[in-house]
PDB file of N, CA and C in Angstrom:
ATOM      1  N   GLY A   1     115.311  83.963  81.850  1.00  0.00           N
ATOM      2  CA  GLY A   1     115.015  82.825  82.915  1.00  0.00           C
ATOM      3  C   GLY A   1     114.169  83.457  84.596  1.00  0.00           C
ATOM      4  N   SER A   2     114.012  83.240  84.897  1.00  0.00           N
ATOM      5  CA  SER A   2     113.469  83.827  86.135  1.00  0.00           C
ATOM      6  C   SER A   2     114.029  82.849  87.879  1.00  0.00           C
ATOM      7  N   LEU A   3     114.588  83.598  88.188  1.00  0.00           N
ATOM      8  CA  LEU A   3     114.774  83.454  89.707  1.00  0.00           C
ATOM      9  C   LEU A   3     114.167  83.594  90.986  1.00  0.00           C
ATOM     10  N   THR A   4     113.795  81.958  91.863  1.00  0.00           N
ATOM     11  CA  THR A   4     112.385  82.086  93.121  1.00  0.00           C
ATOM     12  C   THR A   4     113.686  83.241  93.952  1.00  0.00           C
ATOM     13  N   TYR A   5     112.331  83.867  94.690  1.00  0.00           N
ATOM     14  CA  TYR A   5     113.095  85.201  95.645  1.00  0.00           C
ATOM     15  C   TYR A   5     113.578  84.249  96.813  1.00  0.00           C
ATOM     16  N   PHE A   6     113.972  83.404  97.474  1.00  0.00           N
ATOM     17  CA  PHE A   6     114.750  83.053  97.871  1.00  0.00           C
ATOM     18  C   PHE A   6     116.121  82.673  97.731  1.00  0.00           C
ATOM     19  N   ASP A   7     116.137  81.992  95.927  1.00  0.00           N
ATOM     20  CA  ASP A   7     117.730  82.566  94.980  1.00  0.00           C
ATOM     21  C   ASP A   7     118.289  83.416  94.843  1.00  0.00           C
ATOM     22  N   VAL A   8     117.854  84.400  94.776  1.00  0.00           N
ATOM     23  CA  VAL A   8     118.640  86.154  95.377  1.00  0.00           C
ATOM     24  C   VAL A   8     119.068  86.665  96.278  1.00  0.00           C
ATOM     25  N   ASP A   9     120.269  87.137  96.027  1.00  0.00           N
ATOM     26  CA  ASP A   9     121.057  87.465  97.493  1.00  0.00           C
ATOM     27  C   ASP A   9     120.419  88.989  97.490  1.00  0.00           C
ATOM     28  N   TRP A  10     119.852  88.931  98.687  1.00  0.00           N
ATOM     29  CA  TRP A  10     118.903  90.035  98.727  1.00  0.00           C
ATOM     30  C   TRP A  10     119.748  91.103  99.892  1.00  0.00           C
ATOM     31  N   THR A  11     120.872  91.194 100.111  1.00  0.00           N
ATOM     32  CA  THR A  11     121.983  91.581 100.852  1.00  0.00           C
ATOM     33  C   THR A  11     122.893  92.977 100.469  1.00  0.00           C
ATOM     34  N   GLN A  12     122.085  92.728  98.829  1.00  0.00           N
ATOM     35  CA  GLN A  12     123.110  94.099  97.476  1.00  0.00           C
ATOM     36  C   GLN A  12     122.065  95.190  97.732  1.00  0.00           C
ATOM     37  N   ARG A  13     121.988  95.886  97.165  1.00  0.00           N
ATOM     38  CA  ARG A  13     121.244  96.905  96.808  1.00  0.00           C
ATOM     39  C   ARG A  13     119.850  96.337  95.734  1.00  0.00           C
ATOM     40  N   SER A  14     118.599  96.592  95.845  1.00  0.00           N
ATOM     41  CA  SER A  14     117.855  96.377  95.114  1.00  0.00           C
ATOM     42  C   SER A  14     116.672  97.204  94.995  1.00  0.00           C
ATOM     43  N   ALA A  15     116.010  97.262  94.021  1.00  0.00           N
ATOM     44  CA  ALA A  15     114.600  97.595  93.614  1.00  0.00           C
ATOM     45  C   ALA A  15     113.694  96.335  93.535  1.00  0.00           C
ATOM     46  N   ILE A  16     112.177  96.582  93.984  1.00  0.00           N
ATOM     47  CA  ILE A  16     111.600  95.708  93.524  1.00  0.00           C
ATOM     48  C   ILE A  16     110.265  96.335  93.358  1.00  0.00           C
ATOM     49  N   VAL A  17     110.243  95.892  92.207  1.00  0.00           N
ATOM     50  CA  VAL A  17     108.636  96.252  91.950  1.00  0.00           C
ATOM     51  C   VAL A  17     107.707  95.276  91.174  1.00  0.00           C
ATOM     52  N   VAL A  18     106.316  95.078  92.129  1.00  0.00           N
ATOM     53  CA  VAL A  18     105.710  94.354  92.061  1.00  0.00           C
ATOM     54  C   VAL A  18     104.319  95.065  91.280  1.00  0.00           C
ATOM     55  N   GLY A  19     104.266  94.745  90.055  1.00  0.00           N
ATOM     56  CA  GLY A  19     102.728  95.255  89.355  1.00  0.00           C
ATOM     57  C   GLY A  19     101.169  94.808  90.645  1.00  0.00           C
ATOM     58  N   ASN A  20     100.524  95.152  88.722  1.00  0.00           N
ATOM     59  CA  ASN A  20      98.970  95.114  89.847  1.00  0.00           C
ATOM     60  C   ASN A  20      98.335  93.358  89.599  1.00  0.00           C
ATOM     61  N   GLU A  21      97.493  92.509  90.344  1.00  0.00           N
ATOM     62  CA  GLU A  21      97.446  91.342  89.908  1.00  0.00           C
ATOM     63  C   GLU A  21      96.795  90.795  88.657  1.00  0.00           C
ATOM     64  N   ALA A  22      96.161  92.397  88.064  1.00  0.00           N
ATOM     65  CA  ALA A  22      95.509  91.609  86.388  1.00  0.00           C
ATOM     66  C   ALA A  22      96.687  91.570  85.522  1.00  0.00           C
ATOM     67  N   ARG A  23      97.753  93.176  85.950  1.00  0.00           N
ATOM     68  CA  ARG A  23      98.588  93.079  84.695  1.00  0.00           C
ATOM     69  C   ARG A  23     100.163  92.479  84.862  1.00  0.00           C
ATOM     70  N   GLY A  24     100.443  92.731  85.650  1.00  0.00           N
ATOM     71  CA  GLY A  24     101.539  93.833  86.087  1.00  0.00           C
ATOM     72  C   GLY A  24     102.370  94.433  86.587  1.00  0.00           C
ATOM     73  N   PRO A  25     103.199  94.334  85.539  1.00  0.00           N
ATOM     74  CA  PRO A  25     104.440  95.489  85.456  1.00  0.00           C
ATOM     75  C   PRO A  25     104.220  96.140  84.033  1.00  0.00           C
ATOM     76  N   SER A  26     104.437  97.180  83.412  1.00  0.00           N
ATOM     77  CA  SER A  26     104.016  97.842  82.463  1.00  0.00           C
ATOM     78  C   SER A  26     105.763  96.975  81.248  1.00  0.00           C
ATOM     79  N   GLU A  27     104.839  97.018  80.334  1.00  0.00           N
ATOM     80  CA  GLU A  27     105.963  96.859  79.391  1.00  0.00           C
ATOM     81  C   GLU A  27     107.319  97.667  78.932  1.00  0.00           C
ATOM     82  N   GLU A  28     107.452  98.629  79.977  1.00  0.00           N
ATOM     83  CA  GLU A  28     108.396  99.676  80.086  1.00  0.00           C
ATOM     84  C   GLU A  28     109.326  99.654  81.390  1.00  0.00           C
ATOM     85  N   ILE A  29     108.679  98.683  82.486  1.00  0.00           N
ATOM     86  CA  ILE A  29     109.528  98.543  82.952  1.00  0.00           C
ATOM     87  C   ILE A  29     110.021  97.157  83.557  1.00  0.00           C
ATOM     88  N   LEU A  30     109.580  96.313  82.685  1.00  0.00           N
ATOM     89  CA  LEU A  30     110.174  94.815  82.513  1.00  0.00           C
ATOM     90  C   LEU A  30     111.097  95.112  82.076  1.00  0.00           C
ATOM     91  N   LYS A  31     111.638  95.859  80.565  1.00  0.00           N
ATOM     92  CA  LYS A  31     112.254  96.267  79.829  1.00  0.00           C
ATOM     93  C   LYS A  31     113.182  96.798  80.518  1.00  0.00           C
ATOM     94  N   LEU A  32     113.184  97.389  81.649  1.00  0.00           N
ATOM     95  CA  LEU A  32     114.737  98.095  82.858  1.00  0.00           C
ATOM     96  C   LEU A  32     114.753  96.582  83.847  1.00  0.00           C
ATOM     97  N   ARG A  33     114.237  95.829  83.719  1.00  0.00           N
ATOM     98  CA  ARG A  33     115.115  94.793  84.774  1.00  0.00           C
ATOM     99  C   ARG A  33     115.907  94.280  84.152  1.00  0.00           C
ATOM    100  N   SER A  34     116.815  93.734  85.986  1.00  0.00           N
ATOM    101  CA  SER A  34     117.888  92.662  85.491  1.00  0.00           C
ATOM    102  C   SER A  34     117.563  91.436  85.853  1.00  0.00           C
ATOM    103  N   LYS A  35     116.772  91.315  86.308  1.00  0.00           N
ATOM    104  CA  LYS A  35     116.024  90.044  87.209  1.00  0.00           C
ATOM    105  C   LYS A  35     114.112  90.188  87.050  1.00  0.00           C
ATOM    106  N   LEU A  36     114.065  88.680  86.945  1.00  0.00           N
ATOM    107  CA  LEU A  36     112.747  87.678  87.190  1.00  0.00           C
ATOM    108  C   LEU A  36     112.952  87.204  88.258  1.00  0.00           C
ATOM    109  N   ILE A  37     111.472  87.795  89.463  1.00  0.00           N
ATOM    110  CA  ILE A  37     111.565  87.072  90.732  1.00  0.00           C
ATOM    111  C   ILE A  37     110.271  86.369  90.472  1.00  0.00           C
ATOM    112  N   THR A  38     110.485  84.980  91.023  1.00  0.00           N
ATOM    113  CA  THR A  38     109.673  84.342  90.901  1.00  0.00           C
ATOM    114  C   THR A  38     108.807  83.837  92.554  1.00  0.00           C
ATOM    115  N   ILE A  39     107.641  83.908  93.327  1.00  0.00           N
ATOM    116  CA  ILE A  39     107.738  83.209  94.230  1.00  0.00           C
ATOM    117  C   ILE A  39     106.470  81.543  93.854  1.00  0.00           C
ATOM    118  N   PRO A  40     107.568  80.697  94.646  1.00  0.00           N
ATOM    119  CA  PRO A  40     107.189  79.194  94.155  1.00  0.00           C
ATOM    120  C   PRO A  40     105.220  79.271  94.783  1.00  0.00           C
ATOM    121  N   MET A  41     104.821  78.636  93.839  1.00  0.00           N
ATOM    122  CA  MET A  41     103.322  78.441  94.870  1.00  0.00           C
ATOM    123  C   MET A  41     102.806  76.711  94.401  1.00  0.00           C
ATOM    124  N   VAL A  42     102.536  75.684  95.497  1.00  0.00           N
ATOM    125  CA  VAL A  42     102.044  74.853  95.739  1.00  0.00           C
ATOM    126  C   VAL A  42     100.855  75.143  94.803  1.00  0.00           C
ATOM    127  N   GLU A  43     101.321  73.081  93.829  1.00  0.00           N
ATOM    128  CA  GLU A  43     100.353  73.192  92.589  1.00  0.00           C
ATOM    129  C   GLU A  43      99.443  73.274  93.240  1.00  0.00           C
ATOM    130  N   ASN A  44      98.295  73.721  92.180  1.00  0.00           N
ATOM    131  CA  ASN A  44      96.880  73.497  92.035  1.00  0.00           C
ATOM    132  C   ASN A  44      96.066  73.291  93.696  1.00  0.00           C
ATOM    133  N   ARG A  45      97.066  74.395  94.671  1.00  0.00           N
ATOM    134  CA  ARG A  45      95.815  74.374  96.015  1.00  0.00           C
ATOM    135  C   ARG A  45      95.771  76.637  95.666  1.00  0.00           C
ATOM    136  N   MET A  46      96.920  77.285  94.376  1.00  0.00           N
ATOM    137  CA  MET A  46      95.887  78.548  94.771  1.00  0.00           C
ATOM    138  C   MET A  46      96.566  78.959  93.500  1.00  0.00           C
ATOM    139  N   GLU A  47      96.460  80.311  92.625  1.00  0.00           N
ATOM    140  CA  GLU A  47      96.165  80.311  91.290  1.00  0.00           C
ATOM    141  C   GLU A  47      97.868  81.753  91.474  1.00  0.00           C
ATOM    142  N   SER A  48      97.200  82.859  92.395  1.00  0.00           N
ATOM    143  CA  SER A  48      98.243  83.566  92.294  1.00  0.00           C
ATOM    144  C   SER A  48      98.053  84.544  93.350  1.00  0.00           C
ATOM    145  N   LEU A  49      98.994  84.851  94.154  1.00  0.00           N
ATOM    146  CA  LEU A  49      99.311  86.339  95.532  1.00  0.00           C
ATOM    147  C   LEU A  49      98.824  87.468  94.833  1.00  0.00           C
ATOM    148  N   ASN A  50      98.010  88.492  95.818  1.00  0.00           N
ATOM    149  CA  ASN A  50      97.729  89.585  95.631  1.00  0.00           C
ATOM    150  C   ASN A  50      99.160  90.197  95.417  1.00  0.00           C
ATOM    151  N   ALA A  51      98.882  91.939  95.266  1.00  0.00           N
ATOM    152  CA  ALA A  51      99.919  92.880  94.908  1.00  0.00           C
ATOM    153  C   ALA A  51     101.055  92.200  96.208  1.00  0.00           C
ATOM    154  N   ALA A  52     100.325  93.032  96.764  1.00  0.00           N
ATOM    155  CA  ALA A  52     100.030  93.358  98.692  1.00  0.00           C
ATOM    156  C   ALA A  52     101.504  92.244  99.375  1.00  0.00           C
ATOM    157  N   ILE A  53     100.730  90.930  99.050  1.00  0.00           N
ATOM    158  CA  ILE A  53     101.061  89.718  99.913  1.00  0.00           C
ATOM    159  C   ILE A  53     102.424  89.668  99.290  1.00  0.00           C
ATOM    160  N   ALA A  54     102.601  89.546  97.605  1.00  0.00           N
ATOM    161  CA  ALA A  54     103.948  88.750  97.377  1.00  0.00           C
ATOM    162  C   ALA A  54     105.316  89.766  97.322  1.00  0.00           C
ATOM    163  N   GLY A  55     104.429  91.332  97.720  1.00  0.00           N
ATOM    164  CA  GLY A  55     105.527  92.286  97.496  1.00  0.00           C
ATOM    165  C   GLY A  55     106.507  92.178  99.267  1.00  0.00           C
ATOM    166  N   SER A  56     105.521  91.718 100.188  1.00  0.00           N
ATOM    167  CA  SER A  56     105.828  91.871 101.593  1.00  0.00           C
ATOM    168  C   SER A  56     106.924  90.184 101.450  1.00  0.00           C
ATOM    169  N   ILE A  57     106.244  88.734 100.673  1.00  0.00           N
ATOM    170  CA  ILE A  57     107.089  87.334 100.816  1.00  0.00           C
ATOM    171  C   ILE A  57     108.442  88.323 100.671  1.00  0.00           C
ATOM    172  N   ILE A  58     108.550  89.122  99.945  1.00  0.00           N
ATOM    173  CA  ILE A  58     109.956  88.946  98.795  1.00  0.00           C
ATOM    174  C   ILE A  58     110.755  89.830 100.324  1.00  0.00           C
ATOM    175  N   MET A  59     109.974  91.441 100.203  1.00  0.00           N
ATOM    176  CA  MET A  59     111.007  92.079 101.181  1.00  0.00           C
ATOM    177  C   MET A  59     111.518  91.768 102.945  1.00  0.00           C
ATOM    178  N   PHE A  60     110.521  90.752 102.741  1.00  0.00           N
ATOM    179  CA  PHE A  60     110.404  89.624 104.165  1.00  0.00           C
ATOM    180  C   PHE A  60     111.885  89.229 103.395  1.00  0.00           C
ATOM    181  N   GLU A  61     111.944  88.446 103.085  1.00  0.00           N
ATOM    182  CA  GLU A  61     113.224  87.582 102.369  1.00  0.00           C
ATOM    183  C   GLU A  61     114.516  88.212 102.048  1.00  0.00           C
ATOM    184  N   GLY A  62     114.068  89.411 102.145  1.00  0.00           N
ATOM    185  CA  GLY A  62     115.056  90.895 102.298  1.00  0.00           C
ATOM    186  C   GLY A  62     115.885  91.082 103.754  1.00  0.00           C
ATOM    187  N   TYR A  63     115.284  91.369 104.848  1.00  0.00           N
ATOM    188  CA  TYR A  63     115.027  91.453 105.689  1.00  0.00           C
ATOM    189  C   TYR A  63     115.843  90.359 106.277  1.00  0.00           C
ATOM    190  N   ARG A  64     115.493  89.088 106.196  1.00  0.00           N
ATOM    191  CA  ARG A  64     116.075  87.694 106.853  1.00  0.00           C
ATOM    192  C   ARG A  64     116.927  87.839 106.714  1.00  0.00           C
ATOM    193  N   GLN A  65     117.887  88.028 105.028  1.00  0.00           N
ATOM    194  CA  GLN A  65     118.827  87.435 104.366  1.00  0.00           C
ATOM    195  C   GLN A  65     120.057  88.931 105.649  1.00  0.00           C
ATOM    196  N   ARG A  66     119.429  89.583 105.035  1.00  0.00           N
ATOM    197  CA  ARG A  66     120.286  91.141 106.333  1.00  0.00           C
ATOM    198  C   ARG A  66     120.102  90.514 107.499  1.00  0.00           C
ATOM    199  N   LEU A  67     120.010  89.394 107.818  1.00  0.00           N
ATOM    200  CA  LEU A  67     119.644  89.660 109.709  1.00  0.00           C
ATOM    201  C   LEU A  67     120.484  88.412 110.135  1.00  0.00           C
ATOM    202  N   VAL A  68     120.698  87.495 108.994  1.00  0.00           N
ATOM    203  CA  VAL A  68     121.029  86.351 109.039  1.00  0.00           C
ATOM    204  C   VAL A  68     122.902  86.835 109.221  1.00  0.00           C
ATOM    205  N   THR A  69     122.523  87.652 108.258  1.00  0.00           N
ATOM    206  CA  THR A  69     124.356  88.283 107.636  1.00  0.00           C
ATOM    207  C   THR A  69     125.132  89.461 108.293  1.00  0.00           C
ATOM    208  N   GLY A  70     124.182  89.710 109.625  1.00  0.00           N
ATOM    209  CA  GLY A  70     124.267  91.104 109.734  1.00  0.00           C
ATOM    210  C   GLY A  70     124.558  91.939 109.977  1.00  0.00           C
ATOM    211  N   LYS A  71     124.043  92.197 108.810  1.00  0.00           N
ATOM    212  CA  LYS A  71     123.864  93.490 107.789  1.00  0.00           C
ATOM    213  C   LYS A  71     122.654  95.143 108.406  1.00  0.00           C
ATOM    214  N   THR A  72     121.983  94.219 109.387  1.00  0.00           N
ATOM    215  CA  THR A  72     120.376  94.769 110.454  1.00  0.00           C
ATOM    216  C   THR A  72     120.576  94.025 111.597  1.00  0.00           C
ATOM    217  N   LYS A  73     120.072  95.003 112.127  1.00  0.00           N
ATOM    218  CA  LYS A  73     119.565  94.431 113.651  1.00  0.00           C
ATOM    219  C   LYS A  73     118.129  94.102 113.623  1.00  0.00           C
ATOM    220  N   ALA A  74     118.201  93.112 114.003  1.00  0.00           N
ATOM    221  CA  ALA A  74     116.089  93.105 115.086  1.00  0.00           C
ATOM    222  C   ALA A  74     116.003  94.014 115.583  1.00  0.00           C
ATOM    223  N   VAL A  75     114.317  94.405 114.805  1.00  0.00           N
ATOM    224  CA  VAL A  75     114.157  95.186 115.768  1.00  0.00           C
ATOM    225  C   VAL A  75     112.360  95.000 116.160  1.00  0.00           C
ATOM    226  N   LEU A  76     111.942  94.369 117.392  1.00  0.00           N
ATOM    227  CA  LEU A  76     111.044  94.459 117.308  1.00  0.00           C
ATOM    228  C   LEU A  76     110.296  95.215 117.878  1.00  0.00           C
ATOM    229  N   GLY A  77     108.804  95.237 117.161  1.00  0.00           N
ATOM    230  CA  GLY A  77     108.461  96.385 117.833  1.00  0.00           C
ATOM    231  C   GLY A  77     107.383  95.661 119.111  1.00  0.00           C
ATOM    232  N   SER A  78     106.880  96.308 119.733  1.00  0.00           N
ATOM    233  CA  SER A  78     105.669  96.081 121.374  1.00  0.00           C
ATOM    234  C   SER A  78     104.803  95.312 120.529  1.00  0.00           C
ATOM    235  N   ALA A  79     104.231  95.600 119.994  1.00  0.00           N
ATOM    236  CA  ALA A  79     102.971  94.089 119.463  1.00  0.00           C
ATOM    237  C   ALA A  79     103.138  93.383 119.211  1.00  0.00           C
ATOM    238  N   THR A  80     104.626  92.659 118.446  1.00  0.00           N
ATOM    239  CA  THR A  80     105.592  91.580 118.477  1.00  0.00           C
ATOM    240  C   THR A  80     106.183  91.281 119.885  1.00  0.00           C
ATOM    241  N   GLN A  81     106.739  91.995 120.608  1.00  0.00           N
ATOM    242  CA  GLN A  81     107.333  91.623 121.525  1.00  0.00           C
ATOM    243  C   GLN A  81     106.327  90.524 122.763  1.00  0.00           C
ATOM    244  N   SER A  82     104.723  91.816 122.575  1.00  0.00           N
ATOM    245  CA  SER A  82     103.847  90.962 123.577  1.00  0.00           C
ATOM    246  C   SER A  82     103.565  89.400 122.940  1.00  0.00           C
ATOM    247  N   LYS A  83     102.935  89.325 121.518  1.00  0.00           N
ATOM    248  CA  LYS A  83     102.770  88.000 121.724  1.00  0.00           C
ATOM    249  C   LYS A  83     104.338  87.154 121.486  1.00  0.00           C
ATOM    250  N   ILE A  84     105.232  87.607 121.542  1.00  0.00           N
ATOM    251  CA  ILE A  84     106.428  86.148 122.152  1.00  0.00           C
ATOM    252  C   ILE A  84     106.385  86.069 123.277  1.00  0.00           C
ATOM    253  N   GLN A  85     106.194  86.704 123.727  1.00  0.00           N
ATOM    254  CA  GLN A  85     107.057  86.535 125.404  1.00  0.00           C
ATOM    255  C   GLN A  85     105.915  85.460 126.345  1.00  0.00           C
TER     256      GLN A  85
END
């Protein structure tokens, strides 16, 4: 079975493997995995996400979880700060 990316405890040590859009991770890598993570999609709206977007969504969720649990501190870059002031 698989889990959605927001059902995973990303506050724990993790490794994320994102395969390319056409073939995904290799069979060798898939044999080593402990979990298969999915990103829910709105039905009939889009077929898939490219690898960079998928990886970014998952990494941001890890950052968000660590932020709300106090395991990391928020760091805003100057570009981000100027847009939200």
